[in-house]
N, C-alpha and C. Protein backbone atom coordinates (compact mmCIF):
# COMPACT_ATOMS: atom_id res chain seq x y z
N UNK A 1 59.48 91.32 72.92
CA UNK A 1 59.56 89.87 72.95
C UNK A 1 59.99 89.41 71.57
N UNK A 2 60.80 88.35 71.53
CA UNK A 2 61.24 87.84 70.25
C UNK A 2 61.19 86.32 70.25
N UNK A 3 61.03 85.77 69.07
CA UNK A 3 61.00 84.32 68.91
C UNK A 3 62.30 83.80 68.31
N UNK A 4 63.31 84.63 68.25
CA UNK A 4 64.57 84.21 67.65
C UNK A 4 65.22 83.10 68.46
N UNK A 5 65.97 82.26 67.80
CA UNK A 5 66.72 81.23 68.51
C UNK A 5 68.21 81.35 68.20
N UNK A 6 68.62 82.49 67.72
CA UNK A 6 70.01 82.72 67.36
C UNK A 6 70.64 83.72 68.32
N UNK A 7 71.75 83.33 68.90
CA UNK A 7 72.45 84.23 69.81
C UNK A 7 72.94 85.48 69.06
N UNK A 8 73.34 85.32 67.80
CA UNK A 8 73.81 86.47 67.02
C UNK A 8 72.69 87.49 66.85
N UNK A 9 71.47 87.02 66.57
CA UNK A 9 70.34 87.93 66.42
C UNK A 9 70.04 88.63 67.74
N UNK A 10 70.16 87.90 68.84
CA UNK A 10 69.91 88.51 70.15
C UNK A 10 70.92 89.61 70.43
N UNK A 11 72.17 89.40 70.04
CA UNK A 11 73.19 90.43 70.23
C UNK A 11 72.86 91.68 69.42
N UNK A 12 72.35 91.49 68.20
CA UNK A 12 71.96 92.63 67.38
C UNK A 12 70.80 93.39 68.02
N UNK A 13 69.85 92.67 68.61
CA UNK A 13 68.69 93.30 69.24
C UNK A 13 69.08 94.14 70.45
N UNK A 14 70.14 93.73 71.14
CA UNK A 14 70.57 94.48 72.33
C UNK A 14 70.87 95.93 72.00
N UNK A 15 71.36 96.19 70.80
CA UNK A 15 71.67 97.55 70.41
C UNK A 15 70.45 98.36 69.99
N UNK A 16 69.34 97.69 69.72
CA UNK A 16 68.15 98.38 69.23
C UNK A 16 67.12 98.67 70.31
N UNK A 17 67.13 97.90 71.39
CA UNK A 17 66.08 98.02 72.40
C UNK A 17 66.69 98.16 73.79
N UNK A 18 65.89 98.68 74.71
CA UNK A 18 66.32 98.77 76.10
C UNK A 18 66.38 97.40 76.75
N UNK A 19 65.56 96.48 76.28
CA UNK A 19 65.54 95.14 76.82
C UNK A 19 64.65 94.25 75.98
N UNK A 20 64.75 92.95 76.20
CA UNK A 20 63.90 92.00 75.48
C UNK A 20 63.89 90.68 76.22
N UNK A 21 62.91 89.87 75.91
CA UNK A 21 62.85 88.50 76.43
C UNK A 21 62.54 87.59 75.25
N UNK A 22 62.89 86.34 75.39
CA UNK A 22 62.66 85.38 74.32
C UNK A 22 61.54 84.43 74.71
N UNK A 23 60.90 83.88 73.71
CA UNK A 23 59.86 82.87 73.93
C UNK A 23 60.54 81.53 74.15
N UNK A 24 60.01 80.62 74.90
CA UNK A 24 58.80 80.78 75.70
C UNK A 24 59.08 81.67 76.91
N UNK A 25 58.12 82.51 77.23
CA UNK A 25 58.28 83.48 78.29
C UNK A 25 57.97 82.82 79.63
N UNK A 26 58.91 82.92 80.55
CA UNK A 26 58.64 82.46 81.92
C UNK A 26 58.37 83.70 82.76
N UNK A 27 57.62 83.52 83.82
CA UNK A 27 57.34 84.65 84.71
C UNK A 27 58.62 85.20 85.30
N UNK A 28 59.57 84.32 85.63
CA UNK A 28 60.82 84.78 86.21
C UNK A 28 61.55 85.71 85.27
N UNK A 29 61.67 85.32 84.00
CA UNK A 29 62.36 86.18 83.04
C UNK A 29 61.58 87.46 82.78
N UNK A 30 60.25 87.36 82.70
CA UNK A 30 59.44 88.55 82.48
C UNK A 30 59.61 89.54 83.63
N UNK A 31 59.51 89.05 84.87
CA UNK A 31 59.66 89.92 86.04
C UNK A 31 61.08 90.46 86.15
N UNK A 32 62.04 89.63 85.81
CA UNK A 32 63.43 90.07 85.88
C UNK A 32 63.67 91.21 84.90
N UNK A 33 63.19 91.07 83.68
CA UNK A 33 63.38 92.11 82.67
C UNK A 33 62.60 93.36 83.05
N UNK A 34 61.35 93.21 83.47
CA UNK A 34 60.55 94.36 83.87
C UNK A 34 61.18 95.05 85.08
N UNK A 35 61.78 94.27 85.97
CA UNK A 35 62.41 94.81 87.17
C UNK A 35 63.57 95.75 86.87
N UNK A 36 64.15 95.62 85.70
CA UNK A 36 65.23 96.53 85.31
C UNK A 36 64.72 97.95 85.11
N UNK A 37 63.43 98.08 84.81
CA UNK A 37 62.85 99.40 84.50
C UNK A 37 61.89 99.89 85.57
N UNK A 38 61.37 98.99 86.37
CA UNK A 38 60.45 99.35 87.45
C UNK A 38 61.21 99.29 88.76
N UNK A 39 61.31 100.40 89.43
CA UNK A 39 62.12 100.46 90.64
C UNK A 39 61.32 99.99 91.86
N UNK A 40 61.85 98.96 92.50
CA UNK A 40 61.29 98.47 93.75
C UNK A 40 62.43 97.78 94.48
N UNK A 41 62.71 98.18 95.68
CA UNK A 41 63.90 97.73 96.39
C UNK A 41 63.93 96.23 96.62
N UNK A 42 62.81 95.58 96.89
CA UNK A 42 62.81 94.16 97.24
C UNK A 42 62.83 93.25 96.02
N UNK A 43 62.40 93.70 94.88
CA UNK A 43 62.26 92.84 93.72
C UNK A 43 63.56 92.18 93.27
N UNK A 44 64.67 92.91 93.10
CA UNK A 44 65.88 92.25 92.60
C UNK A 44 66.38 91.13 93.51
N UNK A 45 66.33 91.31 94.83
CA UNK A 45 66.80 90.26 95.73
C UNK A 45 65.93 89.02 95.64
N UNK A 46 64.63 89.22 95.55
CA UNK A 46 63.71 88.08 95.44
C UNK A 46 63.99 87.32 94.15
N UNK A 47 64.17 88.02 93.06
CA UNK A 47 64.40 87.35 91.78
C UNK A 47 65.74 86.64 91.73
N UNK A 48 66.76 87.20 92.36
CA UNK A 48 68.07 86.55 92.36
C UNK A 48 68.05 85.23 93.10
N UNK A 49 67.25 85.15 94.16
CA UNK A 49 67.21 83.93 94.96
C UNK A 49 66.27 82.87 94.38
N UNK A 50 65.48 83.20 93.38
CA UNK A 50 64.53 82.27 92.80
C UNK A 50 65.24 81.36 91.81
N UNK A 51 64.94 80.07 91.89
CA UNK A 51 65.54 79.12 90.97
C UNK A 51 64.97 79.31 89.57
N UNK A 52 65.79 79.18 88.59
CA UNK A 52 65.40 79.25 87.19
C UNK A 52 64.58 78.00 86.88
N UNK A 53 63.29 78.16 86.60
CA UNK A 53 62.40 77.03 86.34
C UNK A 53 62.02 76.99 84.87
N UNK A 54 62.07 75.81 84.30
CA UNK A 54 61.65 75.64 82.91
C UNK A 54 60.15 75.46 82.84
N UNK A 55 59.50 76.11 81.87
CA UNK A 55 58.07 75.88 81.68
C UNK A 55 57.87 74.51 81.02
N UNK A 56 56.71 73.90 81.21
CA UNK A 56 56.46 72.59 80.59
C UNK A 56 56.66 72.60 79.07
N UNK A 57 56.38 73.75 78.44
CA UNK A 57 56.52 73.85 76.98
C UNK A 57 57.96 73.62 76.52
N UNK A 58 58.91 73.83 77.41
CA UNK A 58 60.32 73.67 77.03
C UNK A 58 60.64 72.24 76.63
N UNK A 59 59.83 71.30 77.09
CA UNK A 59 60.09 69.89 76.81
C UNK A 59 59.28 69.35 75.63
N UNK A 60 58.37 70.17 75.08
CA UNK A 60 57.45 69.68 74.05
C UNK A 60 58.12 69.25 72.77
N UNK A 61 59.17 69.93 72.34
CA UNK A 61 59.79 69.64 71.05
C UNK A 61 60.95 68.64 71.13
N UNK A 62 61.25 68.15 72.33
CA UNK A 62 62.39 67.26 72.50
C UNK A 62 62.26 66.01 71.64
N UNK A 63 63.33 65.68 70.95
CA UNK A 63 63.38 64.41 70.23
C UNK A 63 64.31 63.47 71.00
N UNK A 64 63.84 62.30 71.27
CA UNK A 64 64.58 61.26 72.00
C UNK A 64 65.13 61.78 73.33
N UNK A 65 64.24 62.21 74.24
CA UNK A 65 64.70 62.78 75.51
C UNK A 65 65.48 61.79 76.36
N UNK A 66 65.21 60.50 76.23
CA UNK A 66 65.93 59.50 77.04
C UNK A 66 67.41 59.48 76.66
N UNK A 67 67.69 59.56 75.37
CA UNK A 67 69.09 59.60 74.91
C UNK A 67 69.76 60.89 75.38
N UNK A 68 69.05 62.02 75.29
CA UNK A 68 69.61 63.29 75.76
C UNK A 68 69.93 63.20 77.25
N UNK A 69 69.05 62.60 78.04
CA UNK A 69 69.30 62.45 79.48
C UNK A 69 70.56 61.61 79.72
N UNK A 70 70.72 60.57 78.95
CA UNK A 70 71.90 59.72 79.09
C UNK A 70 73.18 60.51 78.79
N UNK A 71 73.15 61.29 77.74
CA UNK A 71 74.32 62.10 77.37
C UNK A 71 74.60 63.15 78.44
N UNK A 72 73.55 63.82 78.91
CA UNK A 72 73.71 64.85 79.94
C UNK A 72 74.33 64.26 81.20
N UNK A 73 73.77 63.13 81.66
CA UNK A 73 74.25 62.52 82.90
C UNK A 73 75.69 62.03 82.78
N UNK A 74 76.03 61.43 81.66
CA UNK A 74 77.36 60.83 81.51
C UNK A 74 78.44 61.81 81.07
N UNK A 75 78.08 62.77 80.21
CA UNK A 75 79.11 63.59 79.58
C UNK A 75 79.15 65.06 80.02
N UNK A 76 77.99 65.62 80.40
CA UNK A 76 77.93 67.06 80.58
C UNK A 76 77.74 67.55 82.01
N UNK A 77 77.00 66.82 82.81
CA UNK A 77 76.58 67.31 84.12
C UNK A 77 77.75 67.77 84.98
N UNK A 78 78.80 67.00 85.03
CA UNK A 78 79.93 67.32 85.91
C UNK A 78 80.61 68.64 85.51
N UNK A 79 80.56 69.02 84.26
CA UNK A 79 81.20 70.24 83.80
C UNK A 79 80.48 71.51 84.21
N UNK A 80 79.25 71.36 84.72
CA UNK A 80 78.47 72.54 85.08
C UNK A 80 78.13 72.60 86.56
N UNK A 81 78.79 71.79 87.36
CA UNK A 81 78.55 71.80 88.80
C UNK A 81 79.04 73.11 89.40
N UNK A 82 78.35 73.58 90.44
CA UNK A 82 78.68 74.86 91.07
C UNK A 82 79.98 74.82 91.87
N UNK A 83 80.40 73.66 92.31
CA UNK A 83 81.57 73.59 93.19
C UNK A 83 82.86 73.99 92.49
N UNK A 84 82.87 73.92 91.16
CA UNK A 84 84.07 74.26 90.40
C UNK A 84 84.06 75.75 90.07
N UNK A 85 84.80 76.54 90.84
CA UNK A 85 84.82 77.98 90.62
C UNK A 85 85.82 78.40 89.55
N UNK A 86 86.76 77.53 89.23
CA UNK A 86 87.73 77.86 88.19
C UNK A 86 87.05 77.74 86.84
N UNK A 87 87.30 78.71 85.99
CA UNK A 87 86.74 78.68 84.65
C UNK A 87 87.90 78.62 83.67
N UNK A 88 88.07 77.47 83.06
CA UNK A 88 89.09 77.30 82.03
C UNK A 88 88.40 77.53 80.70
N UNK A 89 88.65 78.67 80.10
CA UNK A 89 87.92 79.14 78.94
C UNK A 89 87.92 78.11 77.81
N UNK A 90 89.08 77.57 77.46
CA UNK A 90 89.15 76.63 76.34
C UNK A 90 88.36 75.36 76.61
N UNK A 91 88.50 74.82 77.82
CA UNK A 91 87.76 73.60 78.16
C UNK A 91 86.27 73.85 78.20
N UNK A 92 85.86 74.99 78.78
CA UNK A 92 84.44 75.32 78.86
C UNK A 92 83.88 75.56 77.47
N UNK A 93 84.65 76.19 76.58
CA UNK A 93 84.19 76.44 75.21
C UNK A 93 83.99 75.12 74.47
N UNK A 94 84.89 74.17 74.65
CA UNK A 94 84.76 72.85 74.03
C UNK A 94 83.51 72.14 74.56
N UNK A 95 83.32 72.17 75.87
CA UNK A 95 82.14 71.55 76.48
C UNK A 95 80.86 72.23 75.99
N UNK A 96 80.87 73.56 75.93
CA UNK A 96 79.69 74.30 75.48
C UNK A 96 79.33 73.93 74.03
N UNK A 97 80.33 73.79 73.17
CA UNK A 97 80.06 73.40 71.78
C UNK A 97 79.46 72.00 71.71
N UNK A 98 79.94 71.09 72.53
CA UNK A 98 79.38 69.73 72.55
C UNK A 98 77.93 69.74 73.05
N UNK A 99 77.66 70.54 74.08
CA UNK A 99 76.30 70.66 74.61
C UNK A 99 75.40 71.31 73.55
N UNK A 100 75.91 72.33 72.89
CA UNK A 100 75.15 73.01 71.83
C UNK A 100 74.77 72.01 70.73
N UNK A 101 75.72 71.22 70.30
CA UNK A 101 75.46 70.22 69.26
C UNK A 101 74.38 69.23 69.71
N UNK A 102 74.48 68.74 70.94
CA UNK A 102 73.48 67.80 71.47
C UNK A 102 72.11 68.45 71.61
N UNK A 103 72.08 69.70 72.06
CA UNK A 103 70.79 70.38 72.24
C UNK A 103 70.09 70.62 70.89
N UNK A 104 70.86 70.94 69.87
CA UNK A 104 70.29 71.12 68.53
C UNK A 104 69.80 69.78 67.99
N UNK A 105 70.61 68.75 68.15
CA UNK A 105 70.25 67.42 67.66
C UNK A 105 68.97 66.89 68.31
N UNK A 106 68.70 67.31 69.55
CA UNK A 106 67.53 66.83 70.27
C UNK A 106 66.43 67.89 70.37
N UNK A 107 66.57 68.97 69.63
CA UNK A 107 65.56 70.05 69.57
C UNK A 107 65.20 70.60 70.94
N UNK A 108 66.22 70.82 71.77
CA UNK A 108 66.00 71.39 73.11
C UNK A 108 66.39 72.86 73.03
N UNK A 109 65.48 73.67 72.48
CA UNK A 109 65.77 75.05 72.12
C UNK A 109 66.19 75.93 73.29
N UNK A 110 65.57 75.75 74.44
CA UNK A 110 65.92 76.60 75.58
C UNK A 110 67.36 76.34 76.02
N UNK A 111 67.80 75.09 75.92
CA UNK A 111 69.19 74.77 76.24
C UNK A 111 70.12 75.35 75.18
N UNK A 112 69.73 75.27 73.93
CA UNK A 112 70.54 75.84 72.85
C UNK A 112 70.77 77.33 73.09
N UNK A 113 69.72 78.06 73.42
CA UNK A 113 69.85 79.50 73.67
C UNK A 113 70.77 79.79 74.85
N UNK A 114 70.63 79.01 75.91
CA UNK A 114 71.46 79.25 77.09
C UNK A 114 72.91 78.92 76.81
N UNK A 115 73.17 77.86 76.04
CA UNK A 115 74.54 77.50 75.69
C UNK A 115 75.14 78.57 74.77
N UNK A 116 74.34 79.11 73.86
CA UNK A 116 74.85 80.18 73.01
C UNK A 116 75.18 81.42 73.84
N UNK A 117 74.39 81.68 74.88
CA UNK A 117 74.72 82.79 75.79
C UNK A 117 76.04 82.51 76.51
N UNK A 118 76.26 81.26 76.91
CA UNK A 118 77.52 80.88 77.54
C UNK A 118 78.68 81.08 76.58
N UNK A 119 78.51 80.65 75.35
CA UNK A 119 79.57 80.80 74.35
C UNK A 119 79.89 82.28 74.14
N UNK A 120 78.86 83.12 74.09
CA UNK A 120 79.08 84.57 73.98
C UNK A 120 79.84 85.11 75.17
N UNK A 121 79.48 84.67 76.37
CA UNK A 121 80.20 85.09 77.57
C UNK A 121 81.65 84.65 77.54
N UNK A 122 81.90 83.45 77.07
CA UNK A 122 83.27 82.94 76.96
C UNK A 122 84.08 83.76 75.95
N UNK A 123 83.46 84.07 74.82
CA UNK A 123 84.15 84.85 73.79
C UNK A 123 84.49 86.25 74.28
N UNK A 124 83.64 86.80 75.14
CA UNK A 124 83.85 88.16 75.66
C UNK A 124 84.57 88.17 77.01
N UNK A 125 84.92 87.00 77.51
CA UNK A 125 85.56 86.88 78.83
C UNK A 125 84.74 87.57 79.91
N UNK A 126 83.41 87.41 79.82
CA UNK A 126 82.47 88.01 80.77
C UNK A 126 82.19 86.99 81.88
N UNK A 127 82.94 87.08 82.96
CA UNK A 127 82.88 86.09 84.04
C UNK A 127 81.48 86.02 84.65
N UNK A 128 80.82 87.15 84.82
CA UNK A 128 79.47 87.15 85.39
C UNK A 128 78.50 86.40 84.48
N UNK A 129 78.55 86.69 83.19
CA UNK A 129 77.67 85.99 82.23
C UNK A 129 77.98 84.50 82.18
N UNK A 130 79.25 84.16 82.24
CA UNK A 130 79.65 82.75 82.22
C UNK A 130 79.08 82.03 83.43
N UNK A 131 79.24 82.62 84.61
CA UNK A 131 78.73 81.98 85.83
C UNK A 131 77.22 81.85 85.81
N UNK A 132 76.51 82.88 85.32
CA UNK A 132 75.05 82.81 85.24
C UNK A 132 74.62 81.72 84.28
N UNK A 133 75.25 81.65 83.11
CA UNK A 133 74.88 80.62 82.14
C UNK A 133 75.20 79.22 82.65
N UNK A 134 76.35 79.06 83.28
CA UNK A 134 76.69 77.75 83.85
C UNK A 134 75.65 77.32 84.87
N UNK A 135 75.22 78.26 85.70
CA UNK A 135 74.22 77.96 86.71
C UNK A 135 72.89 77.57 86.06
N UNK A 136 72.46 78.35 85.07
CA UNK A 136 71.19 78.02 84.40
C UNK A 136 71.27 76.69 83.66
N UNK A 137 72.39 76.43 83.00
CA UNK A 137 72.54 75.16 82.29
C UNK A 137 72.49 74.00 83.28
N UNK A 138 73.15 74.15 84.41
CA UNK A 138 73.09 73.12 85.45
C UNK A 138 71.64 72.91 85.90
N UNK A 139 70.90 73.99 86.07
CA UNK A 139 69.49 73.87 86.49
C UNK A 139 68.64 73.24 85.38
N UNK A 140 68.92 73.57 84.13
CA UNK A 140 68.21 72.94 83.01
C UNK A 140 68.49 71.44 83.01
N UNK A 141 69.76 71.06 83.16
CA UNK A 141 70.11 69.65 83.21
C UNK A 141 69.39 68.94 84.35
N UNK A 142 69.40 69.55 85.53
CA UNK A 142 68.76 68.95 86.70
C UNK A 142 67.27 68.75 86.46
N UNK A 143 66.61 69.76 85.90
CA UNK A 143 65.18 69.64 85.64
C UNK A 143 64.89 68.61 84.55
N UNK A 144 65.72 68.57 83.51
CA UNK A 144 65.56 67.57 82.45
C UNK A 144 65.64 66.17 83.03
N UNK A 145 66.67 65.92 83.84
CA UNK A 145 66.85 64.60 84.42
C UNK A 145 65.71 64.25 85.38
N UNK A 146 65.21 65.25 86.07
CA UNK A 146 64.09 65.02 86.99
C UNK A 146 62.82 64.65 86.23
N UNK A 147 62.54 65.38 85.14
CA UNK A 147 61.33 65.13 84.34
C UNK A 147 61.38 63.75 83.72
N UNK A 148 62.53 63.35 83.23
CA UNK A 148 62.65 62.08 82.52
C UNK A 148 63.32 60.98 83.34
N UNK A 149 63.25 61.10 84.65
CA UNK A 149 63.81 60.07 85.52
C UNK A 149 63.06 58.77 85.30
N UNK A 150 63.78 57.66 85.21
CA UNK A 150 63.15 56.35 84.97
C UNK A 150 62.82 55.62 86.25
N UNK A 151 62.87 56.32 87.38
CA UNK A 151 62.59 55.67 88.66
C UNK A 151 61.12 55.45 88.85
């Protein structure tokens, strides 16, 4: 387990260990990582179908969450919708950098880490990693907007 918040440090750790997870630890990520080493036929399918859920602690450090929600809804949400299967690397990289900047400005560390993973996938042209990160970012956005809904 590591408390790093740098994608570069995470890349370095990949070469040193068989696996790792970052704090805050969610059960989904813990089980997913453990499932790589513990063989059970049903576990991978169950974990793949489970929605990525943010723990309540993910929202504790947020600064000005209402402003972040406004930015997410107006500027970012449409870029991470699942219906768009085309991945335009340059456009996605620009969007990812803007999301990264906003997540850092608002101290939303879990989003920062996921966006850095997306940027790494884009730099490596790793389509699977890009799709996974886009999906998780979309789920993070959805949960953020749900938690801070003004209805």
